[in-house]
Structure formats: C-alpha cells, structure tokens
Amino acid sequence: MKYLMFEGMKISQIALGCMRISKLTEKETDELIRSAIELGINFFDHADIYGQGKSEELFGKVLANDPSLRDKIYIQTKCGICKGYYDLSADHIIDSVNNSLERLHTSYIDALLLHRPDALMEPEVIAQAFDKLKAQGKVKNFGVSNMTPYQIALLQKHCHQPLKINQLQFNVVNAGMIDSGINANMDNDASLDHDGGALDYCRLNDILIQPWSILQASWSKGTYLDHPDYEKLNMKLAELASKYHVNKSAIALAWILRHPANMQPIVGTTSIKHLNELVQANDIWLSRSEWYQLYLANDRMLP
C-alpha cells in the first residue's frame, strides 16, 4: 500500500468507504475491517446518513469489541444531509458529531466533512461549530464534500481550521474536472466547467481530493464495468488488465491514482475478494499513452 502524509497522519492512498456495510452482519463487518487493515488500508470513510446510522453503529461495535483497532486506523465521517433538506447549522453539526462518536464508540473523529453545500449555510456559524468541536478534542481535521472553490473560500474566510479535504465524484467516465481543463478555450460541450475549477483549486491550496463512486457511471446505470453502453472503454480496460495481470476494476482505479494530484480514492466495496483486487492498482503505473487511451475510450476527443 502506498501512503500520503496528511496533516501529520500517514494515510493509505486508498480509503475504504463504509456506506454499504449497513447490509453486513457484525461478523462480516469485523472481517472486512481487519482484511482492509491487513491490506494496508488505514483510512475509513463514513457519513451519518449511511444506513441511517447503522453503518457507523456496526463499525463501532467492532471497535468496542477490540478497542486496540482504533489506534491503527483513521476515521472520517460526514454530516449535513437530512431527509428532504440540507442542514449545516451549528446545532446540527455538533449533534451529528456527538451521535457519530456514540455510534462509532470513539472519543474523536480524525476528519469531519460537510457532506453537501447547504444553500442556507452561514460560514460564521459553521466556524463556531468547528471551533467548539476542535477545542473539545472531538474532531481533529475538517473538510468538505461536493463543494466548489468559491464555496470553500467563503467557508475558509471564517473558519480558523483549514479545510483540507474535498470529496468529489471522479472516475474515467465522470471526468468533468479533466474535460474542462483539456478543452480550455474551446467552444464545445467538454469545455464547460461545472465545478468552478475544483481540481486546480484543490491542488493550489493543498486540499486532498477524495474521488467517490470510482466505478459508477450513474445512479441509473450503475457501474460502467461490463456495461453495454461502455463497450469501447471495457475493451481497453480488459486489454490493460491482461497486460498488468489484474482485473478491470484495478485498471480503472489505477487511472485515478495516475493523476499527479495524489488523490485518495474511496472504494466502497463490501467484498473482501473485490477489495483485494482493487488494491492491486497501487502497483500499477499507467504510461501517459495508456492513461489517455482510457480517457479517449469513453468517446472523447482531444482538441
């Protein structure tokens, strides 16, 4: 496993997303966590809404049964999404953290992210919540998810704690951050910037990008692997998988890891077998030509 230095923490470049563990038993959750640790993964991503809290609860039961695991891992969680609305008020942020701490059976969270932009968010109020959580030792680091550079800058103007993470959708199919940069100064759809230059902004400000849904085409289509709408892409993935003696998902992950932004992809599998397959991406360094071949295999054109 390769590692990144983040705010004094040595974190695995691949993180395990825990959204789907709510469907597992406690025993299966224990086995998944321990398998991830054995593979070198020490960073686990949660959110208060995953499984309506059950994902954190199951994870916490494993920690309660073996408290020694806590010192081996970093835990990140997110807050702000409610049923039918977003809430980044101070009370909700603080209550959410306290509830997550209770479910996770831990006294602190290594990183707290604001899950989605709240149109009614007040940066000064969020800053107060962050100050309180930091002073109480309940949260060590802070960040955001799915936010634009201006939204981050607005929050950072008031927050004393640096916002050091932005979790964004990114993969070989959903690569808008790449498309707009490559097609700069062009009059075509690919040049449209939907996120305000988030990729470059995060790199300029040393904000860790955490790609999510790394194998998903869309909510309706599901994964792009072996999907008939992505035949050309799957053929190229299969070709490179054969060359590097891995499966296609490892190549898809290696495509993300190849980017010089040093992103930390979130893999959301609950299958130990699939997790073993995915981490093989750490040993693959795609050539520049191979990276572009995959990029263009999704019916893109270079200007």
Protein backbone atom coordinates (compact mmCIF):
# COMPACT_ATOMS: atom_id res chain seq x y z
CA MET A 1 0.00 0.00 0.00
CA LYS A 2 1.19 3.50 -0.82
CA TYR A 3 0.65 6.25 1.72
CA LEU A 4 0.15 10.00 1.78
CA MET A 5 1.16 12.43 4.51
CA PHE A 6 -1.89 14.41 5.54
CA GLU A 7 -1.82 16.84 8.45
CA GLY A 8 0.75 14.74 10.28
CA MET A 9 -1.07 11.48 9.53
CA LYS A 10 0.29 8.71 7.32
CA ILE A 11 -2.88 7.69 5.48
CA SER A 12 -3.37 4.95 2.91
CA GLN A 13 -3.81 6.29 -0.61
CA ILE A 14 -6.85 4.04 -0.97
CA ALA A 15 -9.62 4.53 1.59
CA LEU A 16 -12.46 2.16 2.37
CA GLY A 17 -15.92 3.68 2.06
CA CYS A 18 -18.39 2.30 4.59
CA MET A 19 -21.72 3.31 3.05
CA ARG A 20 -22.80 -0.25 2.29
CA ILE A 21 -21.64 -2.05 5.43
CA SER A 22 -25.08 -1.50 6.95
CA LYS A 23 -26.11 -4.57 4.96
CA LEU A 24 -23.46 -6.75 6.63
CA THR A 25 -23.55 -8.66 9.87
CA GLU A 26 -21.31 -7.66 12.74
CA LYS A 27 -19.05 -10.63 11.99
CA GLU A 28 -18.81 -9.68 8.29
CA THR A 29 -18.04 -6.08 9.23
CA ASP A 30 -15.26 -7.24 11.55
CA GLU A 31 -13.77 -9.40 8.81
CA LEU A 32 -13.93 -6.56 6.27
CA ILE A 33 -12.22 -4.06 8.59
CA ARG A 34 -9.46 -6.49 9.52
CA SER A 35 -8.93 -7.50 5.89
CA ALA A 36 -8.62 -3.86 4.90
CA ILE A 37 -6.05 -3.25 7.64
CA GLU A 38 -4.07 -6.32 6.53
CA LEU A 39 -4.02 -4.88 3.01
CA GLY A 40 -2.59 -1.63 4.36
CA ILE A 41 -5.78 0.43 4.33
CA ASN A 42 -5.96 2.57 7.45
CA PHE A 43 -8.49 5.22 6.40
CA PHE A 44 -12.24 4.57 6.69
CA ASP A 45 -14.91 6.91 5.32
CA HIS A 46 -18.35 7.21 6.95
CA ALA A 47 -21.35 9.55 6.95
CA ASP A 48 -24.13 9.93 9.47
CA ILE A 49 -26.72 9.04 6.81
CA TYR A 50 -25.11 5.79 5.66
CA GLY A 51 -27.62 3.12 6.53
CA GLN A 52 -29.40 5.78 8.63
CA GLY A 53 -26.57 5.47 11.13
CA LYS A 54 -26.33 1.68 11.01
CA SER A 55 -23.02 1.71 9.13
CA GLU A 56 -21.36 3.70 11.92
CA GLU A 57 -23.11 1.57 14.52
CA LEU A 58 -21.80 -1.72 13.09
CA PHE A 59 -18.31 -0.27 12.70
CA GLY A 60 -18.48 0.94 16.29
CA LYS A 61 -19.43 -2.48 17.60
CA VAL A 62 -16.27 -3.89 16.05
CA LEU A 63 -14.21 -1.17 17.74
CA ALA A 64 -15.99 -1.74 21.06
CA ASN A 65 -15.13 -5.45 20.91
CA ASP A 66 -11.49 -4.69 20.11
CA PRO A 67 -10.50 -1.13 21.17
CA SER A 68 -6.91 -1.74 20.02
CA LEU A 69 -8.10 -1.32 16.42
CA ARG A 70 -8.75 2.39 16.96
CA ASP A 71 -5.06 3.26 17.18
CA LYS A 72 -4.42 1.54 13.85
CA ILE A 73 -6.94 3.48 11.79
CA TYR A 74 -8.22 6.92 10.85
CA ILE A 75 -11.96 7.56 10.82
CA GLN A 76 -13.66 10.18 8.70
CA THR A 77 -17.37 10.97 8.77
CA LYS A 78 -19.69 13.48 7.13
CA CYS A 79 -22.77 15.42 8.13
CA GLY A 80 -25.36 17.79 6.69
CA ILE A 81 -27.76 15.65 4.65
CA CYS A 82 -31.23 15.30 6.16
CA LYS A 83 -34.41 13.82 4.75
CA GLY A 84 -35.56 16.36 2.17
CA TYR A 85 -33.13 19.13 3.06
CA TYR A 86 -29.56 20.02 3.98
CA ASP A 87 -28.60 21.35 7.40
CA LEU A 88 -25.22 22.88 8.20
CA SER A 89 -26.40 24.78 11.24
CA ALA A 90 -24.12 24.71 14.28
CA ASP A 91 -26.57 22.67 16.32
CA HIS A 92 -26.94 20.04 13.62
CA ILE A 93 -23.18 19.74 13.01
CA ILE A 94 -22.46 19.36 16.73
CA ASP A 95 -25.35 16.95 17.34
CA SER A 96 -24.33 14.89 14.30
CA VAL A 97 -20.74 14.58 15.53
CA ASN A 98 -21.85 13.60 19.03
CA ASN A 99 -24.17 10.95 17.60
CA SER A 100 -21.43 9.63 15.30
CA LEU A 101 -18.99 9.42 18.19
CA GLU A 102 -21.50 7.43 20.19
CA ARG A 103 -22.27 5.05 17.33
CA LEU A 104 -18.60 4.61 16.44
CA HIS A 105 -17.53 4.03 20.08
CA THR A 106 -14.71 6.53 19.80
CA SER A 107 -13.87 9.78 21.56
CA TYR A 108 -12.69 11.60 18.44
CA ILE A 109 -13.03 11.72 14.67
CA ASP A 110 -9.92 12.22 12.56
CA ALA A 111 -11.76 14.19 9.86
CA LEU A 112 -15.22 15.71 9.58
CA LEU A 113 -16.59 16.71 6.18
CA LEU A 114 -19.61 18.85 5.35
CA HIS A 115 -21.42 16.40 3.08
CA ARG A 116 -23.20 18.76 0.66
CA PRO A 117 -23.44 22.54 0.23
CA ASP A 118 -26.37 23.95 2.21
CA ALA A 119 -27.89 26.96 0.43
CA LEU A 120 -28.71 28.39 3.87
CA MET A 121 -25.30 27.76 5.41
CA GLU A 122 -23.79 30.61 7.41
CA PRO A 123 -19.98 30.46 7.39
CA GLU A 124 -19.68 32.29 10.72
CA VAL A 125 -21.98 29.76 12.39
CA ILE A 126 -20.14 26.79 10.89
CA ALA A 127 -16.88 28.28 12.13
CA GLN A 128 -18.28 28.41 15.67
CA ALA A 129 -19.25 24.74 15.48
CA PHE A 130 -15.81 23.79 14.19
CA ASP A 131 -14.11 25.81 16.95
CA LYS A 132 -16.15 24.05 19.62
CA LEU A 133 -15.54 20.57 18.23
CA LYS A 134 -11.82 21.24 17.86
CA ALA A 135 -11.49 22.68 21.38
CA GLN A 136 -13.32 19.67 22.83
CA GLY A 137 -10.95 17.31 21.01
CA LYS A 138 -13.84 15.64 19.19
CA VAL A 139 -12.64 16.44 15.65
CA LYS A 140 -9.04 16.72 14.53
CA ASN A 141 -9.41 17.87 10.92
CA PHE A 142 -12.10 19.42 8.76
CA GLY A 143 -13.09 19.41 5.12
CA VAL A 144 -15.98 19.44 2.68
CA SER A 145 -17.59 17.24 0.09
CA ASN A 146 -19.02 18.17 -3.31
CA MET A 147 -18.15 21.86 -2.97
CA THR A 148 -16.89 24.45 -5.44
CA PRO A 149 -13.79 26.59 -4.90
CA TYR A 150 -15.85 29.67 -4.05
CA GLN A 151 -17.91 27.75 -1.51
CA ILE A 152 -14.70 26.52 0.12
CA ALA A 153 -13.15 30.00 0.03
CA LEU A 154 -16.25 31.50 1.64
CA LEU A 155 -16.14 28.98 4.45
CA GLN A 156 -12.39 29.31 4.87
CA LYS A 157 -12.70 33.10 5.25
CA HIS A 158 -14.43 32.48 8.58
CA CYS A 159 -13.12 29.09 9.72
CA HIS A 160 -9.97 29.07 11.83
CA GLN A 161 -9.35 25.43 10.98
CA PRO A 162 -8.04 24.76 7.46
CA LEU A 163 -10.41 22.90 5.14
CA LYS A 164 -8.08 20.21 3.82
CA ILE A 165 -10.34 17.70 2.04
CA ASN A 166 -12.86 17.90 -0.79
CA GLN A 167 -14.66 14.67 -1.67
CA LEU A 168 -15.74 14.78 -5.33
CA GLN A 169 -17.21 12.41 -7.90
CA PHE A 170 -14.44 11.42 -10.29
CA ASN A 171 -13.64 8.44 -12.49
CA VAL A 172 -12.79 7.65 -16.10
CA VAL A 173 -16.45 8.13 -17.11
CA ASN A 174 -17.25 11.10 -14.86
CA ALA A 175 -14.17 13.20 -15.50
CA GLY A 176 -15.57 16.69 -15.86
CA MET A 177 -12.65 18.11 -13.86
CA ILE A 178 -10.32 16.77 -16.54
CA ASP A 179 -12.54 17.52 -19.54
CA SER A 180 -12.84 21.25 -18.90
CA GLY A 181 -9.11 21.65 -18.42
CA ILE A 182 -8.15 19.77 -21.58
CA ASN A 183 -10.74 21.69 -23.60
CA ALA A 184 -9.84 25.12 -22.28
CA ASN A 185 -10.52 27.92 -24.77
CA MET A 186 -12.65 25.62 -26.92
CA ASP A 187 -16.25 26.16 -28.00
CA ASN A 188 -17.59 22.69 -27.23
CA ASP A 189 -19.56 20.94 -24.50
CA ALA A 190 -16.45 19.39 -22.97
CA SER A 191 -15.09 22.86 -22.20
CA LEU A 192 -18.00 23.61 -19.84
CA ASP A 193 -16.74 23.95 -16.29
CA HIS A 194 -19.35 22.53 -13.94
CA ASP A 195 -17.33 22.75 -10.72
CA GLY A 196 -15.53 26.08 -10.91
CA GLY A 197 -12.05 24.66 -11.42
CA ALA A 198 -12.18 22.46 -8.32
CA LEU A 199 -9.26 20.28 -9.42
CA ASP A 200 -6.77 23.11 -9.84
CA TYR A 201 -8.08 24.99 -6.80
CA CYS A 202 -7.58 21.98 -4.55
CA ARG A 203 -4.08 21.41 -5.89
CA LEU A 204 -3.17 25.07 -5.41
CA ASN A 205 -4.42 25.03 -1.83
CA ASP A 206 -3.13 21.59 -0.79
CA ILE A 207 -6.65 20.21 -0.41
CA LEU A 208 -6.84 16.43 -0.66
CA ILE A 209 -9.30 15.27 -3.32
CA GLN A 210 -11.15 12.09 -2.44
CA PRO A 211 -12.87 10.63 -5.54
CA TRP A 212 -16.14 8.82 -4.83
CA SER A 213 -18.13 6.36 -6.98
CA ILE A 214 -14.93 5.35 -8.74
CA LEU A 215 -16.63 2.59 -10.79
CA GLN A 216 -20.06 4.11 -11.23
CA ALA A 217 -21.40 5.54 -14.48
CA SER A 218 -24.56 6.95 -12.93
CA TRP A 219 -27.20 6.14 -10.34
CA SER A 220 -29.46 4.70 -13.03
CA LYS A 221 -26.84 2.71 -14.95
CA GLY A 222 -24.73 1.56 -12.04
CA THR A 223 -21.17 0.51 -12.77
CA TYR A 224 -19.62 1.11 -16.18
CA LEU A 225 -17.71 -2.18 -15.92
CA ASP A 226 -19.18 -4.63 -18.45
CA HIS A 227 -21.99 -2.20 -19.21
CA PRO A 228 -23.08 -2.33 -22.89
CA ASP A 229 -23.07 1.48 -23.14
CA TYR A 230 -19.31 1.48 -22.45
CA GLU A 231 -18.14 -1.30 -24.73
CA LYS A 232 -15.10 0.55 -26.11
CA LEU A 233 -13.95 1.53 -22.64
CA ASN A 234 -14.34 -2.01 -21.35
CA MET A 235 -12.32 -3.37 -24.24
CA LYS A 236 -9.43 -1.04 -23.37
CA LEU A 237 -9.76 -1.86 -19.67
CA ALA A 238 -9.64 -5.56 -20.50
CA GLU A 239 -6.58 -5.09 -22.71
CA LEU A 240 -4.66 -3.31 -19.96
CA ALA A 241 -5.92 -5.72 -17.32
CA SER A 242 -4.41 -8.56 -19.33
CA LYS A 243 -1.14 -6.69 -19.69
CA TYR A 244 -0.80 -5.98 -15.96
CA HIS A 245 -2.34 -9.29 -14.80
CA VAL A 246 -5.12 -7.68 -12.78
CA ASN A 247 -8.85 -7.22 -13.28
CA LYS A 248 -10.54 -4.26 -14.94
CA SER A 249 -11.52 -2.56 -11.71
CA ALA A 250 -7.86 -2.30 -10.69
CA ILE A 251 -7.05 -0.62 -14.00
CA ALA A 252 -9.95 1.80 -13.52
CA LEU A 253 -8.61 2.69 -10.08
CA ALA A 254 -5.04 2.93 -11.39
CA TRP A 255 -6.30 5.54 -13.88
CA ILE A 256 -7.33 7.76 -10.96
CA LEU A 257 -4.14 7.11 -8.99
CA ARG A 258 -2.02 8.04 -12.03
CA HIS A 259 -3.13 11.67 -11.82
CA PRO A 260 -0.43 13.87 -10.23
CA ALA A 261 -2.92 15.45 -7.80
CA ASN A 262 -2.25 12.48 -5.47
CA MET A 263 -5.92 11.82 -4.85
CA GLN A 264 -7.24 9.40 -2.25
CA PRO A 265 -9.98 7.32 -3.92
CA ILE A 266 -12.79 5.96 -1.76
CA VAL A 267 -13.56 2.33 -2.64
CA GLY A 268 -16.99 1.31 -1.40
CA THR A 269 -16.91 -2.45 -1.77
CA THR A 270 -18.01 -4.82 1.00
CA SER A 271 -16.44 -7.79 -0.78
CA ILE A 272 -13.07 -8.83 0.61
CA LYS A 273 -12.27 -10.51 -2.69
CA HIS A 274 -13.01 -7.33 -4.64
CA LEU A 275 -11.04 -5.27 -2.15
CA ASN A 276 -8.02 -7.49 -2.71
CA GLU A 277 -8.43 -6.99 -6.46
CA LEU A 278 -8.76 -3.23 -6.18
CA VAL A 279 -5.66 -2.62 -4.06
CA GLN A 280 -3.54 -4.14 -6.83
CA ALA A 281 -3.97 -0.77 -8.52
CA ASN A 282 -1.31 0.50 -6.13
CA ASP A 283 1.31 -1.49 -8.02
CA ILE A 284 0.32 -0.20 -11.46
CA TRP A 285 1.77 2.91 -13.06
CA LEU A 286 -0.03 3.55 -16.33
CA SER A 287 2.03 5.18 -19.05
CA ARG A 288 0.92 8.57 -20.29
CA SER A 289 -0.24 6.90 -23.51
CA GLU A 290 -2.27 4.26 -21.63
CA TRP A 291 -3.89 6.91 -19.44
CA TYR A 292 -5.01 8.87 -22.48
CA GLN A 293 -6.17 5.73 -24.27
CA LEU A 294 -8.56 5.04 -21.40
CA TYR A 295 -9.68 8.66 -21.31
CA LEU A 296 -10.45 8.66 -25.04
CA ALA A 297 -12.12 5.24 -24.91
CA ASN A 298 -15.16 6.93 -23.38
CA ASP A 299 -15.97 8.61 -26.72
CA ARG A 300 -13.95 11.74 -26.00
CA MET A 301 -11.79 13.66 -28.44
CA LEU A 302 -8.71 15.74 -27.85
CA PRO A 303 -8.95 19.31 -29.23
